PDB file of all heavy atoms in Angstrom:
ATOM      1  N   LYS A   1     125.784 323.404  75.391  1.00  0.00           N
ATOM      2  CA  LYS A   1     124.374 323.516  75.021  1.00  0.00           C
ATOM      3  C   LYS A   1     123.468 323.255  76.232  1.00  0.00           C
ATOM      4  O   LYS A   1     122.450 323.942  76.421  1.00  0.00           O
ATOM      5  CB  LYS A   1     124.047 322.540  73.894  1.00  0.00           C
ATOM      6  CG  LYS A   1     124.824 322.819  72.608  1.00  0.00           C
ATOM      7  CD  LYS A   1     124.609 321.723  71.572  1.00  0.00           C
ATOM      8  CE  LYS A   1     125.478 321.956  70.355  1.00  0.00           C
ATOM      9  NZ  LYS A   1     125.363 320.858  69.359  1.00  0.00           N
ATOM     10  N   LEU A   2     123.842 322.267  77.035  1.00  0.00           N
ATOM     11  CA  LEU A   2     123.070 321.988  78.245  1.00  0.00           C
ATOM     12  C   LEU A   2     123.110 323.175  79.202  1.00  0.00           C
ATOM     13  O   LEU A   2     122.120 323.480  79.875  1.00  0.00           O
ATOM     14  CB  LEU A   2     123.607 320.739  78.942  1.00  0.00           C
ATOM     15  CG  LEU A   2     123.372 319.397  78.252  1.00  0.00           C
ATOM     16  CD1 LEU A   2     124.115 318.283  78.992  1.00  0.00           C
ATOM     17  CD2 LEU A   2     121.882 319.085  78.172  1.00  0.00           C
ATOM     18  N   ALA A   3     124.264 323.844  79.270  1.00  0.00           N
ATOM     19  CA  ALA A   3     124.393 324.998  80.157  1.00  0.00           C
ATOM     20  C   ALA A   3     123.496 326.143  79.717  1.00  0.00           C
ATOM     21  O   ALA A   3     122.934 326.867  80.550  1.00  0.00           O
ATOM     22  CB  ALA A   3     125.848 325.459  80.206  1.00  0.00           C
ATOM     23  N   VAL A   4     123.360 326.344  78.416  1.00  0.00           N
ATOM     24  CA  VAL A   4     122.468 327.386  77.900  1.00  0.00           C
ATOM     25  C   VAL A   4     121.036 327.102  78.342  1.00  0.00           C
ATOM     26  O   VAL A   4     120.327 327.990  78.830  1.00  0.00           O
ATOM     27  CB  VAL A   4     122.575 327.476  76.365  1.00  0.00           C
ATOM     28  CG1 VAL A   4     121.456 328.343  75.791  1.00  0.00           C
ATOM     29  CG2 VAL A   4     123.929 328.044  75.964  1.00  0.00           C
ATOM     30  N   LYS A   5     120.607 325.864  78.174  1.00  0.00           N
ATOM     31  CA  LYS A   5     119.253 325.481  78.597  1.00  0.00           C
ATOM     32  C   LYS A   5     119.115 325.621  80.115  1.00  0.00           C
ATOM     33  O   LYS A   5     118.083 326.099  80.619  1.00  0.00           O
ATOM     34  CB  LYS A   5     118.982 324.033  78.170  1.00  0.00           C
ATOM     35  CG  LYS A   5     117.628 323.486  78.599  1.00  0.00           C
ATOM     36  CD  LYS A   5     116.469 324.229  77.941  1.00  0.00           C
ATOM     37  CE  LYS A   5     115.143 323.478  78.043  1.00  0.00           C
ATOM     38  NZ  LYS A   5     114.753 323.135  79.415  1.00  0.00           N
ATOM     39  N   TRP A   6     120.127 325.211  80.837  1.00  0.00           N
ATOM     40  CA  TRP A   6     120.119 325.349  82.308  1.00  0.00           C
ATOM     41  C   TRP A   6     119.927 326.814  82.702  1.00  0.00           C
ATOM     42  O   TRP A   6     119.132 327.125  83.600  1.00  0.00           O
ATOM     43  CB  TRP A   6     121.425 324.809  82.887  1.00  0.00           C
ATOM     44  CG  TRP A   6     121.592 325.073  84.349  1.00  0.00           C
ATOM     45  CD1 TRP A   6     121.216 324.265  85.386  1.00  0.00           C
ATOM     46  CD2 TRP A   6     122.163 326.243  84.952  1.00  0.00           C
ATOM     47  NE1 TRP A   6     121.514 324.863  86.585  1.00  0.00           N
ATOM     48  CE2 TRP A   6     122.098 326.076  86.352  1.00  0.00           C
ATOM     49  CE3 TRP A   6     122.724 327.418  84.442  1.00  0.00           C
ATOM     50  CZ2 TRP A   6     122.579 327.036  87.251  1.00  0.00           C
ATOM     51  CZ3 TRP A   6     123.194 328.375  85.332  1.00  0.00           C
ATOM     52  CH2 TRP A   6     123.121 328.180  86.703  1.00  0.00           C
ATOM     53  N   ALA A   7     120.681 327.718  82.062  1.00  0.00           N
ATOM     54  CA  ALA A   7     120.621 329.132  82.408  1.00  0.00           C
ATOM     55  C   ALA A   7     119.245 329.722  82.099  1.00  0.00           C
ATOM     56  O   ALA A   7     118.691 330.491  82.900  1.00  0.00           O
ATOM     57  CB  ALA A   7     121.709 329.901  81.661  1.00  0.00           C
ATOM     58  N   GLN A   8     118.685 329.371  80.951  1.00  0.00           N
ATOM     59  CA  GLN A   8     117.327 329.826  80.632  1.00  0.00           C
ATOM     60  C   GLN A   8     116.335 329.379  81.709  1.00  0.00           C
ATOM     61  O   GLN A   8     115.529 330.181  82.206  1.00  0.00           O
ATOM     62  CB  GLN A   8     116.873 329.255  79.289  1.00  0.00           C
ATOM     63  CG  GLN A   8     117.494 329.866  78.067  1.00  0.00           C
ATOM     64  CD  GLN A   8     116.960 329.205  76.806  1.00  0.00           C
ATOM     65  OE1 GLN A   8     117.334 328.087  76.468  1.00  0.00           O
ATOM     66  NE2 GLN A   8     116.066 329.886  76.120  1.00  0.00           N
ATOM     67  N   ASP A   9     116.394 328.100  82.050  1.00  0.00           N
ATOM     68  CA  ASP A   9     115.468 327.560  83.044  1.00  0.00           C
ATOM     69  C   ASP A   9     115.665 328.224  84.402  1.00  0.00           C
ATOM     70  O   ASP A   9     114.695 328.515  85.111  1.00  0.00           O
ATOM     71  CB  ASP A   9     115.652 326.051  83.175  1.00  0.00           C
ATOM     72  CG  ASP A   9     115.196 325.287  81.946  1.00  0.00           C
ATOM     73  OD1 ASP A   9     114.479 325.883  81.112  1.00  0.00           O
ATOM     74  OD2 ASP A   9     115.570 324.102  81.813  1.00  0.00           O
ATOM     75  N   LYS A  10     116.915 328.482  84.753  1.00  0.00           N
ATOM     76  CA  LYS A  10     117.188 329.083  86.068  1.00  0.00           C
ATOM     77  C   LYS A  10     116.684 330.522  86.121  1.00  0.00           C
ATOM     78  O   LYS A  10     116.088 330.942  87.129  1.00  0.00           O
ATOM     79  CB  LYS A  10     118.689 329.022  86.362  1.00  0.00           C
ATOM     80  CG  LYS A  10     119.058 329.337  87.803  1.00  0.00           C
ATOM     81  CD  LYS A  10     118.488 328.311  88.767  1.00  0.00           C
ATOM     82  CE  LYS A  10     119.117 326.940  88.601  1.00  0.00           C
ATOM     83  NZ  LYS A  10     118.623 325.983  89.627  1.00  0.00           N
ATOM     84  N   PHE A  11     116.925 331.277  85.070  1.00  0.00           N
ATOM     85  CA  PHE A  11     116.393 332.639  85.014  1.00  0.00           C
ATOM     86  C   PHE A  11     114.870 332.626  85.161  1.00  0.00           C
ATOM     87  O   PHE A  11     114.301 333.429  85.924  1.00  0.00           O
ATOM     88  CB  PHE A  11     116.753 333.305  83.684  1.00  0.00           C
ATOM     89  CG  PHE A  11     118.108 333.959  83.633  1.00  0.00           C
ATOM     90  CD1 PHE A  11     118.977 333.714  82.571  1.00  0.00           C
ATOM     91  CD2 PHE A  11     118.515 334.847  84.614  1.00  0.00           C
ATOM     92  CE1 PHE A  11     120.215 334.333  82.501  1.00  0.00           C
ATOM     93  CE2 PHE A  11     119.754 335.471  84.569  1.00  0.00           C
ATOM     94  CZ  PHE A  11     120.606 335.210  83.504  1.00  0.00           C
ATOM     95  N   ASN A  12     114.225 331.749  84.447  1.00  0.00           N
ATOM     96  CA  ASN A  12     112.757 331.673  84.519  1.00  0.00           C
ATOM     97  C   ASN A  12     112.292 331.241  85.902  1.00  0.00           C
ATOM     98  O   ASN A  12     111.314 331.785  86.433  1.00  0.00           O
ATOM     99  CB  ASN A  12     112.231 330.710  83.451  1.00  0.00           C
ATOM    100  CG  ASN A  12     112.247 331.323  82.054  1.00  0.00           C
ATOM    101  OD1 ASN A  12     111.888 332.487  81.871  1.00  0.00           O
ATOM    102  ND2 ASN A  12     112.664 330.552  81.065  1.00  0.00           N
ATOM    103  N   HIS A  13     112.988 330.300  86.482  1.00  0.00           N
ATOM    104  CA  HIS A  13     112.623 329.832  87.825  1.00  0.00           C
ATOM    105  C   HIS A  13     112.760 330.953  88.856  1.00  0.00           C
ATOM    106  O   HIS A  13     111.957 331.040  89.805  1.00  0.00           O
ATOM    107  CB  HIS A  13     113.505 328.649  88.218  1.00  0.00           C
ATOM    108  CG  HIS A  13     113.259 328.143  89.606  1.00  0.00           C
ATOM    109  ND1 HIS A  13     112.138 327.415  89.956  1.00  0.00           N
ATOM    110  CD2 HIS A  13     113.986 328.276  90.761  1.00  0.00           C
ATOM    111  CE1 HIS A  13     112.179 327.115  91.245  1.00  0.00           C
ATOM    112  NE2 HIS A  13     113.290 327.635  91.748  1.00  0.00           N
ATOM    113  N   LEU A  14     113.747 331.814  88.667  1.00  0.00           N
ATOM    114  CA  LEU A  14     113.973 332.928  89.590  1.00  0.00           C
ATOM    115  C   LEU A  14     113.009 334.091  89.350  1.00  0.00           C
ATOM    116  O   LEU A  14     113.016 335.060  90.099  1.00  0.00           O
ATOM    117  CB  LEU A  14     115.417 333.426  89.476  1.00  0.00           C
ATOM    118  CG  LEU A  14     116.498 332.447  89.960  1.00  0.00           C
ATOM    119  CD1 LEU A  14     117.887 332.948  89.584  1.00  0.00           C
ATOM    120  CD2 LEU A  14     116.404 332.229  91.470  1.00  0.00           C
ATOM    121  N   GLY A  15     112.208 333.997  88.305  1.00  0.00           N
ATOM    122  CA  GLY A  15     111.174 335.001  88.080  1.00  0.00           C
ATOM    123  C   GLY A  15     111.588 336.211  87.297  1.00  0.00           C
ATOM    124  O   GLY A  15     110.918 337.262  87.360  1.00  0.00           O
ATOM    125  N   PHE A  16     112.665 336.129  86.530  1.00  0.00           N
ATOM    126  CA  PHE A  16     113.077 337.272  85.710  1.00  0.00           C
ATOM    127  C   PHE A  16     111.959 337.629  84.725  1.00  0.00           C
ATOM    128  O   PHE A  16     111.265 336.753  84.208  1.00  0.00           O
ATOM    129  CB  PHE A  16     114.371 336.954  84.963  1.00  0.00           C
ATOM    130  CG  PHE A  16     115.616 337.102  85.792  1.00  0.00           C
ATOM    131  CD1 PHE A  16     115.908 336.209  86.821  1.00  0.00           C
ATOM    132  CD2 PHE A  16     116.497 338.152  85.565  1.00  0.00           C
ATOM    133  CE1 PHE A  16     117.059 336.346  87.586  1.00  0.00           C
ATOM    134  CE2 PHE A  16     117.654 338.304  86.329  1.00  0.00           C
ATOM    135  CZ  PHE A  16     117.932 337.399  87.349  1.00  0.00           C
ATOM    136  N   ASP A  17     111.797 338.923  84.459  1.00  0.00           N
ATOM    137  CA  ASP A  17     110.733 339.385  83.569  1.00  0.00           C
ATOM    138  C   ASP A  17     110.967 338.965  82.125  1.00  0.00           C
ATOM    139  O   ASP A  17     110.018 338.622  81.411  1.00  0.00           O
ATOM    140  CB  ASP A  17     110.623 340.916  83.624  1.00  0.00           C
ATOM    141  CG  ASP A  17     110.238 341.428  84.993  1.00  0.00           C
ATOM    142  OD1 ASP A  17     109.438 340.752  85.662  1.00  0.00           O
ATOM    143  OD2 ASP A  17     110.745 342.485  85.396  1.00  0.00           O
ATOM    144  N   LYS A  18     112.209 339.033  81.689  1.00  0.00           N
ATOM    145  CA  LYS A  18     112.560 338.692  80.309  1.00  0.00           C
ATOM    146  C   LYS A  18     113.771 337.758  80.329  1.00  0.00           C
ATOM    147  O   LYS A  18     114.730 337.996  81.073  1.00  0.00           O
ATOM    148  CB  LYS A  18     112.911 339.951  79.509  1.00  0.00           C
ATOM    149  CG  LYS A  18     111.769 340.926  79.295  1.00  0.00           C
ATOM    150  CD  LYS A  18     112.272 342.240  78.702  1.00  0.00           C
ATOM    151  CE  LYS A  18     112.949 342.069  77.370  1.00  0.00           C
ATOM    152  NZ  LYS A  18     113.436 343.362  76.814  1.00  0.00           N
ATOM    153  N   VAL A  19     113.712 336.728  79.514  1.00  0.00           N
ATOM    154  CA  VAL A  19     114.828 335.797  79.363  1.00  0.00           C
ATOM    155  C   VAL A  19     115.000 335.537  77.872  1.00  0.00           C
ATOM    156  O   VAL A  19     114.036 335.185  77.197  1.00  0.00           O
ATOM    157  CB  VAL A  19     114.569 334.469  80.114  1.00  0.00           C
ATOM    158  CG1 VAL A  19     115.751 333.521  79.933  1.00  0.00           C
ATOM    159  CG2 VAL A  19     114.293 334.719  81.593  1.00  0.00           C
ATOM    160  N   TRP A  20     116.207 335.717  77.358  1.00  0.00           N
ATOM    161  CA  TRP A  20     116.396 335.510  75.925  1.00  0.00           C
ATOM    162  C   TRP A  20     117.830 335.105  75.602  1.00  0.00           C
ATOM    163  O   TRP A  20     118.737 335.221  76.438  1.00  0.00           O
ATOM    164  CB  TRP A  20     115.981 336.735  75.136  1.00  0.00           C
ATOM    165  CG  TRP A  20     116.840 337.961  75.213  1.00  0.00           C
ATOM    166  CD1 TRP A  20     117.778 338.347  74.300  1.00  0.00           C
ATOM    167  CD2 TRP A  20     116.833 338.992  76.222  1.00  0.00           C
ATOM    168  NE1 TRP A  20     118.353 339.554  74.670  1.00  0.00           N
ATOM    169  CE2 TRP A  20     117.780 339.966  75.843  1.00  0.00           C
ATOM    170  CE3 TRP A  20     116.108 339.173  77.403  1.00  0.00           C
ATOM    171  CZ2 TRP A  20     118.038 341.104  76.603  1.00  0.00           C
ATOM    172  CZ3 TRP A  20     116.349 340.308  78.171  1.00  0.00           C
ATOM    173  CH2 TRP A  20     117.304 341.260  77.772  1.00  0.00           C
ATOM    174  N   LEU A  21     117.994 334.610  74.382  1.00  0.00           N
ATOM    175  CA  LEU A  21     119.290 334.180  73.871  1.00  0.00           C
ATOM    176  C   LEU A  21     119.737 335.098  72.749  1.00  0.00           C
ATOM    177  O   LEU A  21     118.921 335.587  71.977  1.00  0.00           O
ATOM    178  CB  LEU A  21     119.219 332.751  73.320  1.00  0.00           C
ATOM    179  CG  LEU A  21     118.717 331.645  74.242  1.00  0.00           C
ATOM    180  CD1 LEU A  21     118.713 330.311  73.493  1.00  0.00           C
ATOM    181  CD2 LEU A  21     119.563 331.558  75.494  1.00  0.00           C
ATOM    182  N   GLU A  22     121.044 335.322  72.676  1.00  0.00           N
ATOM    183  CA  GLU A  22     121.631 336.049  71.555  1.00  0.00           C
ATOM    184  C   GLU A  22     122.800 335.245  71.015  1.00  0.00           C
ATOM    185  O   GLU A  22     123.640 334.766  71.791  1.00  0.00           O
ATOM    186  CB  GLU A  22     122.088 337.441  71.988  1.00  0.00           C
ATOM    187  CG  GLU A  22     120.936 338.351  72.396  1.00  0.00           C
ATOM    188  CD  GLU A  22     121.360 339.758  72.760  1.00  0.00           C
ATOM    189  OE1 GLU A  22     122.580 340.048  72.745  1.00  0.00           O
ATOM    190  OE2 GLU A  22     120.472 340.579  73.046  1.00  0.00           O
ATOM    191  N   PRO A  23     122.888 335.058  69.698  1.00  0.00           N
ATOM    192  CA  PRO A  23     123.906 334.177  69.120  1.00  0.00           C
ATOM    193  C   PRO A  23     125.323 334.694  69.318  1.00  0.00           C
ATOM    194  O   PRO A  23     125.576 335.902  69.349  1.00  0.00           O
ATOM    195  CB  PRO A  23     123.532 334.122  67.637  1.00  0.00           C
ATOM    196  CG  PRO A  23     122.733 335.351  67.392  1.00  0.00           C
ATOM    197  CD  PRO A  23     122.002 335.647  68.670  1.00  0.00           C
ATOM    198  N   ALA A  24     126.234 333.749  69.440  1.00  0.00           N
ATOM    199  CA  ALA A  24     127.663 334.059  69.547  1.00  0.00           C
ATOM    200  C   ALA A  24     128.432 333.024  68.732  1.00  0.00           C
ATOM    201  O   ALA A  24     128.105 331.833  68.749  1.00  0.00           O
ATOM    202  CB  ALA A  24     128.107 334.026  71.006  1.00  0.00           C
ATOM    203  N   ASN A  25     129.434 333.468  68.022  1.00  0.00           N
ATOM    204  CA  ASN A  25     130.275 332.573  67.220  1.00  0.00           C
ATOM    205  C   ASN A  25     131.708 332.608  67.728  1.00  0.00           C
ATOM    206  O   ASN A  25     132.181 333.634  68.248  1.00  0.00           O
ATOM    207  CB  ASN A  25     130.226 332.985  65.747  1.00  0.00           C
ATOM    208  CG  ASN A  25     128.840 332.849  65.158  1.00  0.00           C
ATOM    209  OD1 ASN A  25     128.223 331.802  65.235  1.00  0.00           O
ATOM    210  ND2 ASN A  25     128.331 333.937  64.577  1.00  0.00           N
ATOM    211  N   PHE A  26     132.403 331.495  67.566  1.00  0.00           N
ATOM    212  CA  PHE A  26     133.750 331.377  68.131  1.00  0.00           C
ATOM    213  C   PHE A  26     134.511 330.265  67.410  1.00  0.00           C
ATOM    214  O   PHE A  26     133.912 329.390  66.769  1.00  0.00           O
ATOM    215  CB  PHE A  26     133.668 331.061  69.630  1.00  0.00           C
ATOM    216  CG  PHE A  26     132.672 329.981  69.969  1.00  0.00           C
ATOM    217  CD1 PHE A  26     132.984 328.642  69.821  1.00  0.00           C
ATOM    218  CD2 PHE A  26     131.402 330.323  70.415  1.00  0.00           C
ATOM    219  CE1 PHE A  26     132.059 327.655  70.114  1.00  0.00           C
ATOM    220  CE2 PHE A  26     130.467 329.340  70.717  1.00  0.00           C
ATOM    221  CZ  PHE A  26     130.805 327.995  70.558  1.00  0.00           C
ATOM    222  N   PRO A  27     135.834 330.259  67.497  1.00  0.00           N
ATOM    223  CA  PRO A  27     136.620 329.164  66.916  1.00  0.00           C
ATOM    224  C   PRO A  27     136.417 327.894  67.736  1.00  0.00           C
ATOM    225  O   PRO A  27     136.536 327.907  68.953  1.00  0.00           O
ATOM    226  CB  PRO A  27     138.060 329.673  67.002  1.00  0.00           C
ATOM    227  CG  PRO A  27     138.046 330.685  68.098  1.00  0.00           C
ATOM    228  CD  PRO A  27     136.691 331.314  68.073  1.00  0.00           C
ATOM    229  N   ASP A  28     136.102 326.794  67.070  1.00  0.00           N
ATOM    230  CA  ASP A  28     135.726 325.548  67.744  1.00  0.00           C
ATOM    231  C   ASP A  28     136.914 324.592  67.748  1.00  0.00           C
ATOM    232  O   ASP A  28     137.345 324.117  66.693  1.00  0.00           O
ATOM    233  CB  ASP A  28     134.534 324.928  66.998  1.00  0.00           C
ATOM    234  CG  ASP A  28     133.749 323.969  67.875  1.00  0.00           C
ATOM    235  OD1 ASP A  28     134.163 323.733  69.018  1.00  0.00           O
ATOM    236  OD2 ASP A  28     132.733 323.450  67.395  1.00  0.00           O
ATOM    237  N   TRP A  29     137.419 324.312  68.944  1.00  0.00           N
ATOM    238  CA  TRP A  29     138.605 323.444  69.096  1.00  0.00           C
ATOM    239  C   TRP A  29     138.280 322.367  70.119  1.00  0.00           C
ATOM    240  O   TRP A  29     137.547 322.616  71.072  1.00  0.00           O
ATOM    241  CB  TRP A  29     139.784 324.297  69.558  1.00  0.00           C
ATOM    242  CG  TRP A  29     141.038 323.539  69.900  1.00  0.00           C
ATOM    243  CD1 TRP A  29     142.023 323.153  69.035  1.00  0.00           C
ATOM    244  CD2 TRP A  29     141.466 323.106  71.202  1.00  0.00           C
ATOM    245  NE1 TRP A  29     143.027 322.500  69.715  1.00  0.00           N
ATOM    246  CE2 TRP A  29     142.707 322.460  71.046  1.00  0.00           C
ATOM    247  CE3 TRP A  29     140.915 323.196  72.488  1.00  0.00           C
ATOM    248  CZ2 TRP A  29     143.416 321.907  72.128  1.00  0.00           C
ATOM    249  CZ3 TRP A  29     141.610 322.651  73.560  1.00  0.00           C
ATOM    250  CH2 TRP A  29     142.843 322.021  73.384  1.00  0.00           C
ATOM    251  N   ARG A  30     138.814 321.179  69.921  1.00  0.00           N
ATOM    252  CA  ARG A  30     138.573 320.087  70.858  1.00  0.00           C
ATOM    253  C   ARG A  30     139.887 319.458  71.326  1.00  0.00           C
ATOM    254  O   ARG A  30     140.780 319.195  70.525  1.00  0.00           O
ATOM    255  CB  ARG A  30     137.728 318.981  70.224  1.00  0.00           C
ATOM    256  CG  ARG A  30     136.296 319.336  69.959  1.00  0.00           C
ATOM    257  CD  ARG A  30     135.467 319.469  71.239  1.00  0.00           C
ATOM    258  NE  ARG A  30     134.086 319.700  70.868  1.00  0.00           N
ATOM    259  CZ  ARG A  30     133.587 320.856  70.492  1.00  0.00           C
ATOM    260  NH1 ARG A  30     134.389 321.918  70.432  1.00  0.00           N
ATOM    261  NH2 ARG A  30     132.317 320.988  70.170  1.00  0.00           N
ATOM    262  N   ARG A  31     139.933 319.181  72.606  1.00  0.00           N
ATOM    263  CA  ARG A  31     141.006 318.393  73.208  1.00  0.00           C
ATOM    264  C   ARG A  31     140.496 316.946  73.312  1.00  0.00           C
ATOM    265  O   ARG A  31     139.441 316.685  73.897  1.00  0.00           O
ATOM    266  CB  ARG A  31     141.296 318.939  74.601  1.00  0.00           C
ATOM    267  CG  ARG A  31     142.342 318.185  75.402  1.00  0.00           C
ATOM    268  CD  ARG A  31     142.184 318.433  76.916  1.00  0.00           C
ATOM    269  NE  ARG A  31     141.808 319.797  77.237  1.00  0.00           N
ATOM    270  CZ  ARG A  31     142.668 320.806  77.397  1.00  0.00           C
ATOM    271  NH1 ARG A  31     143.955 320.582  77.267  1.00  0.00           N
ATOM    272  NH2 ARG A  31     142.239 322.017  77.685  1.00  0.00           N
TER     273      ARG A  31
END
């Protein structure tokens, strides 16, 4: 989740015209 926020902020900082999120689902496993 932090990486998603990081990527949004980085795209915006670099001046991209459009920045957006699209949902993704996956099997959730933990070690």
